[in-house]
Structure formats: structure tokens, C-alpha cells
Amino acid sequence: MYHPKSKEKSFISLCQLHDSTCQIAKSLNELWSYPLLVLMAYGFVSVTSQLYFVYCGTQSQHIPLIFRSAKEIPMSIIWLFYIFGKCISLLFFSRKTTLASRRTGICLHRCGVAADTNEIYEMVNHLSLKLLNHVVNFSACGIFTLDMGTLYAVCGAITSYLIILIQFNMAGQQVKVSQELAASNETSSIDLIGENVTLNPFKAVK
């Protein structure tokens, strides 16, 4: 059986290791904050644009050269899985790391519950509460947290913007059809007037 002082040193060493690991994770997050933000923004814009131009392709509309892959449904599905895979894996591992950072405090608290002396219990309880309050959270420049809740928000935003773009596209197509009909009616009216003038030249002179 270990001496209480040796147990206390072991628990303090464990807490110091946990703090050092959290500091390393926070430093890495600060280092990669801007690339993470750019990646998430690029994924949002690219996925929304790709889905929109897939819709345009199904309607036989013009598609920009940069989104020519939207003309082929299988290519679009592969490309969307690639972009979504990068973003989802980033959010998943960030969430997994955050949850793992909480396990140290939970395990330490269980040790305190199983302790046979009040001195060890109070010391472990104090350290476990300290660790539970020291949690690693990953964020993209502090704008949003990298977790699965962010994935839900991004999917909702993509759906909303996609619906808005499709509605604008449908309205634009209706206006275009109306203008073409008006132009064809005007052309036909001019042709009819020209025919009347040709058939009745003397009446036109009067």
C-alpha cells in the first residue's frame, strides 16, 4: 500500500500531465485556427455551389467551367463526399478530443470515491473538479466551436441558401420566358403589319 504523500504526488503529476496536454492542444488550435476557418468556409461555399449547379445541370442550364463536374451526377457525388469527409472528420476528431479531455477528471473522481481515507478523497475531489473545469475546446478563430453541433448548423445553412438560390433561379427563368414571349409577340405583330402594307399598298398610300 502506498503512502498518502506518494499518492498525492502521483495525482498531482497526473494533473500536471493533463494540463500540459491541454496546453499543447490549445497551442495547436491557435496555430491552425485560420486554416480551419478557411477550410470550413471553403467547404460551405463549395458544397452549396456544387449542389446548385447540379440542379442547373438537371434543368439544362448554363454551368460555369469551374463547376463542369456538376454535369455528371456520379462525379458530383464523389466530390461532395470528399469535401464533406474532410469537414466531418475534422469536427468528429475535435469533438472526440474534447470528450477525451474530460475523462481524466472523471477517472480521478472515481478514484476519490473509491478512496479509503478522507484525506485522499478531499485531495482527489479537489483535483478532479479542477480538471473538469479545464476542458479543451477547439474553435475556428473563436467564431464557432468545432463540434458536431457545428455540422448541424452548416447543413441547415447549406439547405437554406440552396433553397434561396433555386427560388431566384426559377424566378429568373420565368422572367426570361416572359421576355422571350413578349419579344416573339412583338416580332409577330411587326410581321403582320408588314404583310398588311404589302398586300394593300394603295390603301397604305391613302
C-alpha atoms as a PDB file:
ATOM      1  CA  MET A   1       0.000   0.000   0.000  1.00  0.00           C
ATOM      2  CA  TYR A   2       1.299   3.440  -0.984  1.00  0.00           C
ATOM      3  CA  HIS A   3       1.877   6.252   1.463  1.00  0.00           C
ATOM      4  CA  PRO A   4      -0.675   9.114   1.191  1.00  0.00           C
ATOM      5  CA  LYS A   5       2.102  11.528   0.254  1.00  0.00           C
ATOM      6  CA  SER A   6       3.207   9.324  -2.640  1.00  0.00           C
ATOM      7  CA  LYS A   7      -0.413   9.045  -3.793  1.00  0.00           C
ATOM      8  CA  GLU A   8      -0.777  12.793  -3.619  1.00  0.00           C
ATOM      9  CA  LYS A   9       2.369  13.255  -5.718  1.00  0.00           C
ATOM     10  CA  SER A  10       1.077  10.739  -8.251  1.00  0.00           C
ATOM     11  CA  PHE A  11      -2.258  12.519  -8.557  1.00  0.00           C
ATOM     12  CA  ILE A  12      -0.550  15.925  -8.835  1.00  0.00           C
ATOM     13  CA  SER A  13       1.747  14.559 -11.545  1.00  0.00           C
ATOM     14  CA  LEU A  14      -1.295  13.252 -13.404  1.00  0.00           C
ATOM     15  CA  CYS A  15      -2.946  16.675 -13.203  1.00  0.00           C
ATOM     16  CA  GLN A  16       0.219  18.380 -14.432  1.00  0.00           C
ATOM     17  CA  LEU A  17       0.371  15.951 -17.347  1.00  0.00           C
ATOM     18  CA  HIS A  18      -3.248  16.694 -18.156  1.00  0.00           C
ATOM     19  CA  ASP A  19      -2.623  20.460 -18.010  1.00  0.00           C
ATOM     20  CA  SER A  20       0.435  20.157 -20.249  1.00  0.00           C
ATOM     21  CA  THR A  21      -1.508  18.105 -22.791  1.00  0.00           C
ATOM     22  CA  CYS A  22      -4.337  20.658 -22.784  1.00  0.00           C
ATOM     23  CA  GLN A  23      -1.864  23.493 -23.323  1.00  0.00           C
ATOM     24  CA  ILE A  24      -0.334  21.666 -26.293  1.00  0.00           C
ATOM     25  CA  ALA A  25      -3.802  21.120 -27.775  1.00  0.00           C
ATOM     26  CA  LYS A  26      -4.682  24.793 -27.304  1.00  0.00           C
ATOM     27  CA  SER A  27      -1.397  25.876 -28.920  1.00  0.00           C
ATOM     28  CA  LEU A  28      -2.096  23.636 -31.903  1.00  0.00           C
ATOM     29  CA  ASN A  29      -5.591  25.062 -32.159  1.00  0.00           C
ATOM     30  CA  GLU A  30      -4.242  28.620 -32.172  1.00  0.00           C
ATOM     31  CA  LEU A  31      -1.697  27.641 -34.808  1.00  0.00           C
ATOM     32  CA  TRP A  32      -4.299  26.133 -37.133  1.00  0.00           C
ATOM     33  CA  SER A  33      -7.218  28.475 -36.420  1.00  0.00           C
ATOM     34  CA  TYR A  34      -7.085  30.363 -39.725  1.00  0.00           C
ATOM     35  CA  PRO A  35      -6.589  27.252 -41.913  1.00  0.00           C
ATOM     36  CA  LEU A  36      -9.517  25.597 -40.116  1.00  0.00           C
ATOM     37  CA  LEU A  37     -11.705  28.645 -40.698  1.00  0.00           C
ATOM     38  CA  VAL A  38     -10.738  28.768 -44.388  1.00  0.00           C
ATOM     39  CA  LEU A  39     -11.399  25.038 -44.779  1.00  0.00           C
ATOM     40  CA  MET A  40     -14.869  25.276 -43.234  1.00  0.00           C
ATOM     41  CA  ALA A  41     -15.751  28.372 -45.291  1.00  0.00           C
ATOM     42  CA  TYR A  42     -14.472  26.722 -48.480  1.00  0.00           C
ATOM     43  CA  GLY A  43     -16.462  23.575 -47.742  1.00  0.00           C
ATOM     44  CA  PHE A  44     -19.649  25.569 -47.127  1.00  0.00           C
ATOM     45  CA  VAL A  45     -19.358  27.662 -50.310  1.00  0.00           C
ATOM     46  CA  SER A  46     -18.189  24.768 -52.484  1.00  0.00           C
ATOM     47  CA  VAL A  47     -20.885  22.325 -51.390  1.00  0.00           C
ATOM     48  CA  THR A  48     -23.646  24.936 -51.775  1.00  0.00           C
ATOM     49  CA  SER A  49     -22.402  25.959 -55.245  1.00  0.00           C
ATOM     50  CA  GLN A  50     -21.934  22.369 -56.386  1.00  0.00           C
ATOM     51  CA  LEU A  51     -25.447  21.360 -55.358  1.00  0.00           C
ATOM     52  CA  TYR A  52     -26.891  24.450 -57.020  1.00  0.00           C
ATOM     53  CA  PHE A  53     -25.125  23.800 -60.312  1.00  0.00           C
ATOM     54  CA  VAL A  54     -26.190  20.146 -60.165  1.00  0.00           C
ATOM     55  CA  TYR A  55     -29.734  21.491 -60.133  1.00  0.00           C
ATOM     56  CA  CYS A  56     -28.888  23.798 -63.047  1.00  0.00           C
ATOM     57  CA  GLY A  57     -27.470  20.815 -64.919  1.00  0.00           C
ATOM     58  CA  THR A  58     -30.710  18.884 -64.477  1.00  0.00           C
ATOM     59  CA  GLN A  59     -32.550  21.895 -65.948  1.00  0.00           C
ATOM     60  CA  SER A  60     -30.181  22.058 -68.980  1.00  0.00           C
ATOM     61  CA  GLN A  61     -28.951  25.499 -67.946  1.00  0.00           C
ATOM     62  CA  HIS A  62     -25.510  27.021 -68.432  1.00  0.00           C
ATOM     63  CA  ILE A  63     -22.872  25.875 -65.923  1.00  0.00           C
ATOM     64  CA  PRO A  64     -19.548  27.727 -65.397  1.00  0.00           C
ATOM     65  CA  LEU A  65     -16.415  25.928 -66.470  1.00  0.00           C
ATOM     66  CA  ILE A  66     -15.087  25.689 -62.905  1.00  0.00           C
ATOM     67  CA  PHE A  67     -18.172  23.640 -61.917  1.00  0.00           C
ATOM     68  CA  ARG A  68     -18.246  21.452 -65.044  1.00  0.00           C
ATOM     69  CA  SER A  69     -18.175  18.366 -62.802  1.00  0.00           C
ATOM     70  CA  ALA A  70     -21.786  19.222 -61.857  1.00  0.00           C
ATOM     71  CA  LYS A  71     -22.875  17.984 -65.293  1.00  0.00           C
ATOM     72  CA  GLU A  72     -22.087  14.421 -64.191  1.00  0.00           C
ATOM     73  CA  ILE A  73     -24.046  13.216 -61.138  1.00  0.00           C
ATOM     74  CA  PRO A  74     -21.541  10.456 -60.135  1.00  0.00           C
ATOM     75  CA  MET A  75     -18.625  12.934 -60.278  1.00  0.00           C
ATOM     76  CA  SER A  76     -20.582  15.392 -58.156  1.00  0.00           C
ATOM     77  CA  ILE A  77     -21.394  12.715 -55.555  1.00  0.00           C
ATOM     78  CA  ILE A  78     -17.715  11.699 -55.288  1.00  0.00           C
ATOM     79  CA  TRP A  79     -16.609  15.326 -54.997  1.00  0.00           C
ATOM     80  CA  LEU A  80     -19.239  16.096 -52.330  1.00  0.00           C
ATOM     81  CA  PHE A  81     -18.229  13.016 -50.314  1.00  0.00           C
ATOM     82  CA  TYR A  82     -14.600  14.188 -50.473  1.00  0.00           C
ATOM     83  CA  ILE A  83     -15.361  17.714 -49.199  1.00  0.00           C
ATOM     84  CA  PHE A  84     -17.857  16.508 -46.603  1.00  0.00           C
ATOM     85  CA  GLY A  85     -15.409  13.832 -45.478  1.00  0.00           C
ATOM     86  CA  LYS A  86     -12.721  16.391 -44.686  1.00  0.00           C
ATOM     87  CA  CYS A  87     -15.066  18.681 -42.775  1.00  0.00           C
ATOM     88  CA  ILE A  88     -16.871  15.908 -40.891  1.00  0.00           C
ATOM     89  CA  SER A  89     -13.617  14.162 -39.903  1.00  0.00           C
ATOM     90  CA  LEU A  90     -12.280  17.463 -38.571  1.00  0.00           C
ATOM     91  CA  LEU A  91     -15.405  18.076 -36.488  1.00  0.00           C
ATOM     92  CA  PHE A  92     -15.574  14.452 -35.318  1.00  0.00           C
ATOM     93  CA  PHE A  93     -11.981  14.279 -34.084  1.00  0.00           C
ATOM     94  CA  SER A  94     -12.265  17.698 -32.432  1.00  0.00           C
ATOM     95  CA  ARG A  95     -15.322  16.512 -30.529  1.00  0.00           C
ATOM     96  CA  LYS A  96     -13.628  13.224 -29.666  1.00  0.00           C
ATOM     97  CA  THR A  97     -10.580  15.062 -28.290  1.00  0.00           C
ATOM     98  CA  THR A  98     -12.799  17.358 -26.226  1.00  0.00           C
ATOM     99  CA  LEU A  99     -14.611  14.381 -24.708  1.00  0.00           C
ATOM    100  CA  ALA A 100     -11.302  12.630 -24.024  1.00  0.00           C
ATOM    101  CA  SER A 101     -10.046  15.682 -22.142  1.00  0.00           C
ATOM    102  CA  ARG A 102     -12.927  15.285 -19.694  1.00  0.00           C
ATOM    103  CA  ARG A 103     -12.188  11.640 -18.905  1.00  0.00           C
ATOM    104  CA  THR A 104      -9.157  12.466 -16.778  1.00  0.00           C
ATOM    105  CA  GLY A 105     -11.253  14.370 -14.261  1.00  0.00           C
ATOM    106  CA  ILE A 106     -13.944  11.678 -14.289  1.00  0.00           C
ATOM    107  CA  CYS A 107     -11.410   8.894 -13.691  1.00  0.00           C
ATOM    108  CA  LEU A 108      -9.783  10.893 -10.934  1.00  0.00           C
ATOM    109  CA  HIS A 109     -13.158  11.486  -9.299  1.00  0.00           C
ATOM    110  CA  ARG A 110     -13.832   7.739  -9.362  1.00  0.00           C
ATOM    111  CA  CYS A 111     -10.520   7.197  -7.617  1.00  0.00           C
ATOM    112  CA  GLY A 112     -11.585   9.654  -4.954  1.00  0.00           C
ATOM    113  CA  VAL A 113     -14.898   7.843  -4.461  1.00  0.00           C
ATOM    114  CA  ALA A 114     -13.063   4.548  -4.080  1.00  0.00           C
ATOM    115  CA  ALA A 115     -10.509   6.054  -1.653  1.00  0.00           C
ATOM    116  CA  ASP A 116     -10.387   4.649   1.833  1.00  0.00           C
ATOM    117  CA  THR A 117      -9.391   7.855   3.666  1.00  0.00           C
ATOM    118  CA  ASN A 118     -10.961  11.280   3.892  1.00  0.00           C
ATOM    119  CA  GLU A 119      -7.651  12.992   3.200  1.00  0.00           C
ATOM    120  CA  ILE A 120      -7.212  11.286  -0.174  1.00  0.00           C
ATOM    121  CA  TYR A 121     -10.875  11.796  -1.039  1.00  0.00           C
ATOM    122  CA  GLU A 122     -10.735  15.551  -0.402  1.00  0.00           C
ATOM    123  CA  MET A 123      -7.496  15.927  -2.328  1.00  0.00           C
ATOM    124  CA  VAL A 124      -8.721  13.863  -5.306  1.00  0.00           C
ATOM    125  CA  ASN A 125     -12.097  15.598  -5.281  1.00  0.00           C
ATOM    126  CA  HIS A 126     -10.402  18.991  -5.424  1.00  0.00           C
ATOM    127  CA  LEU A 127      -8.144  17.945  -8.286  1.00  0.00           C
ATOM    128  CA  SER A 128     -10.971  16.274 -10.230  1.00  0.00           C
ATOM    129  CA  LEU A 129     -13.129  19.400 -10.018  1.00  0.00           C
ATOM    130  CA  LYS A 130     -10.183  21.434 -11.269  1.00  0.00           C
ATOM    131  CA  LEU A 131      -9.703  19.095 -14.228  1.00  0.00           C
ATOM    132  CA  LEU A 132     -13.418  19.056 -15.077  1.00  0.00           C
ATOM    133  CA  ASN A 133     -13.314  22.842 -15.356  1.00  0.00           C
ATOM    134  CA  HIS A 134     -10.206  22.689 -17.566  1.00  0.00           C
ATOM    135  CA  VAL A 135     -11.660  21.380 -20.828  1.00  0.00           C
ATOM    136  CA  VAL A 136     -10.147  21.654 -24.304  1.00  0.00           C
ATOM    137  CA  ASN A 137     -12.452  23.265 -26.875  1.00  0.00           C
ATOM    138  CA  PHE A 138     -11.380  23.671 -30.484  1.00  0.00           C
ATOM    139  CA  SER A 139     -12.606  26.671 -32.446  1.00  0.00           C
ATOM    140  CA  ALA A 140     -12.015  28.403 -35.757  1.00  0.00           C
ATOM    141  CA  CYS A 141     -10.580  31.783 -34.712  1.00  0.00           C
ATOM    142  CA  GLY A 142     -13.158  31.903 -31.929  1.00  0.00           C
ATOM    143  CA  ILE A 143     -16.003  32.330 -34.445  1.00  0.00           C
ATOM    144  CA  PHE A 144     -17.538  28.900 -33.877  1.00  0.00           C
ATOM    145  CA  THR A 145     -16.676  25.730 -31.981  1.00  0.00           C
ATOM    146  CA  LEU A 146     -15.567  22.659 -33.881  1.00  0.00           C
ATOM    147  CA  ASP A 147     -18.050  20.005 -32.794  1.00  0.00           C
ATOM    148  CA  MET A 148     -20.953  18.044 -34.227  1.00  0.00           C
ATOM    149  CA  GLY A 149     -23.353  20.883 -33.427  1.00  0.00           C
ATOM    150  CA  THR A 150     -21.474  22.976 -35.966  1.00  0.00           C
ATOM    151  CA  LEU A 151     -22.095  20.269 -38.576  1.00  0.00           C
ATOM    152  CA  TYR A 152     -25.832  20.513 -37.911  1.00  0.00           C
ATOM    153  CA  ALA A 153     -25.723  24.312 -38.283  1.00  0.00           C
ATOM    154  CA  VAL A 154     -23.686  24.128 -41.516  1.00  0.00           C
ATOM    155  CA  CYS A 155     -26.067  21.577 -43.051  1.00  0.00           C
ATOM    156  CA  GLY A 156     -29.006  23.806 -42.153  1.00  0.00           C
ATOM    157  CA  ALA A 157     -27.303  26.853 -43.685  1.00  0.00           C
ATOM    158  CA  ILE A 158     -26.469  24.933 -46.889  1.00  0.00           C
ATOM    159  CA  THR A 159     -30.091  23.824 -47.215  1.00  0.00           C
ATOM    160  CA  SER A 160     -31.408  27.357 -46.642  1.00  0.00           C
ATOM    161  CA  TYR A 161     -29.057  29.007 -49.151  1.00  0.00           C
ATOM    162  CA  LEU A 162     -29.708  26.258 -51.704  1.00  0.00           C
ATOM    163  CA  ILE A 163     -33.464  26.807 -51.489  1.00  0.00           C
ATOM    164  CA  ILE A 164     -32.975  30.575 -51.878  1.00  0.00           C
ATOM    165  CA  LEU A 165     -30.721  30.122 -54.933  1.00  0.00           C
ATOM    166  CA  ILE A 166     -33.179  27.724 -56.572  1.00  0.00           C
ATOM    167  CA  GLN A 167     -36.052  30.157 -55.965  1.00  0.00           C
ATOM    168  CA  PHE A 168     -34.060  33.005 -57.534  1.00  0.00           C
ATOM    169  CA  ASN A 169     -33.197  30.734 -60.456  1.00  0.00           C
ATOM    170  CA  MET A 170     -36.838  29.805 -61.021  1.00  0.00           C
ATOM    171  CA  ALA A 171     -37.892  33.454 -60.828  1.00  0.00           C
ATOM    172  CA  GLY A 172     -35.160  34.411 -63.314  1.00  0.00           C
ATOM    173  CA  GLN A 173     -36.252  31.673 -65.708  1.00  0.00           C
ATOM    174  CA  GLN A 174     -39.862  32.863 -65.513  1.00  0.00           C
ATOM    175  CA  VAL A 175     -38.800  36.435 -66.301  1.00  0.00           C
ATOM    176  CA  LYS A 176     -36.667  35.183 -69.191  1.00  0.00           C
ATOM    177  CA  VAL A 177     -39.572  33.180 -70.636  1.00  0.00           C
ATOM    178  CA  SER A 178     -41.885  36.190 -70.292  1.00  0.00           C
ATOM    179  CA  GLN A 179     -39.395  38.446 -72.089  1.00  0.00           C
ATOM    180  CA  GLU A 180     -38.991  35.896 -74.890  1.00  0.00           C
ATOM    181  CA  LEU A 181     -42.763  35.627 -75.297  1.00  0.00           C
ATOM    182  CA  ALA A 182     -43.107  39.414 -75.340  1.00  0.00           C
ATOM    183  CA  ALA A 183     -40.317  39.689 -77.926  1.00  0.00           C
ATOM    184  CA  SER A 184     -41.869  36.980 -80.107  1.00  0.00           C
ATOM    185  CA  ASN A 185     -45.314  38.657 -79.903  1.00  0.00           C
ATOM    186  CA  GLU A 186     -43.778  41.997 -80.857  1.00  0.00           C
ATOM    187  CA  THR A 187     -41.947  40.400 -83.772  1.00  0.00           C
ATOM    188  CA  SER A 188     -45.102  38.679 -84.987  1.00  0.00           C
ATOM    189  CA  SER A 189     -47.050  41.957 -84.728  1.00  0.00           C
ATOM    190  CA  ILE A 190     -44.424  43.773 -86.818  1.00  0.00           C
ATOM    191  CA  ASP A 191     -44.520  40.960 -89.399  1.00  0.00           C
ATOM    192  CA  LEU A 192     -48.332  41.208 -89.623  1.00  0.00           C
ATOM    193  CA  ILE A 193     -48.178  44.980 -90.131  1.00  0.00           C
ATOM    194  CA  GLY A 194     -45.566  44.487 -92.850  1.00  0.00           C
ATOM    195  CA  GLU A 195     -47.778  41.933 -94.591  1.00  0.00           C
ATOM    196  CA  ASN A 196     -50.784  44.276 -94.484  1.00  0.00           C
ATOM    197  CA  VAL A 197     -48.730  47.074 -96.010  1.00  0.00           C
ATOM    198  CA  THR A 198     -47.505  44.751 -98.753  1.00  0.00           C
ATOM    199  CA  LEU A 199     -50.971  43.404 -99.575  1.00  0.00           C
ATOM    200  CA  ASN A 200     -52.667  46.838 -99.636  1.00  0.00           C
ATOM    201  CA  PRO A 201     -50.102  49.325-100.986  1.00  0.00           C
ATOM    202  CA  PHE A 202     -52.700  51.800-102.307  1.00  0.00           C
ATOM    203  CA  LYS A 203     -54.612  51.810 -99.034  1.00  0.00           C
ATOM    204  CA  ALA A 204     -51.365  52.465 -97.219  1.00  0.00           C
ATOM    205  CA  VAL A 205     -50.687  55.476 -99.513  1.00  0.00           C
ATOM    206  CA  LYS A 206     -54.097  56.995 -98.769  1.00  0.00           C
END
